[in-house]
Amino acid sequence: MSDGTDRDDGIWQRDEIESPCVRICVIHPEARLCTGCLRSIDEITEWSRMTPAHRTEVMAALPARAAQLKTRRGGRKARLARR
């Protein structure tokens, strides 16, 4: 049995391009991207049905998405201004 600290727990192991999932599954409210792996909800949902070529395409796009989550949203003041 695994103690949950490694990726060899059976559930997360597959014979395909490794998922970019890092088990920090929080969707950014405005960017609509997972803050852990940077995939969209649709990409996360479709991952197991994607072709290897499509997965490779998504993986290549992930690093460029990080900048979308680095920009601060402005806190309470910006949230009130959006209303």
Foldseek 3Di string as FASTA:
>chain_A
DDPPPDCPPVVLDDDAPHQQAPPQADQDPPVCAGLRRRHHPVCVVCVVVDDNVVVVVRNVCRVVSNVVPVDDCPPPVNVVVVD
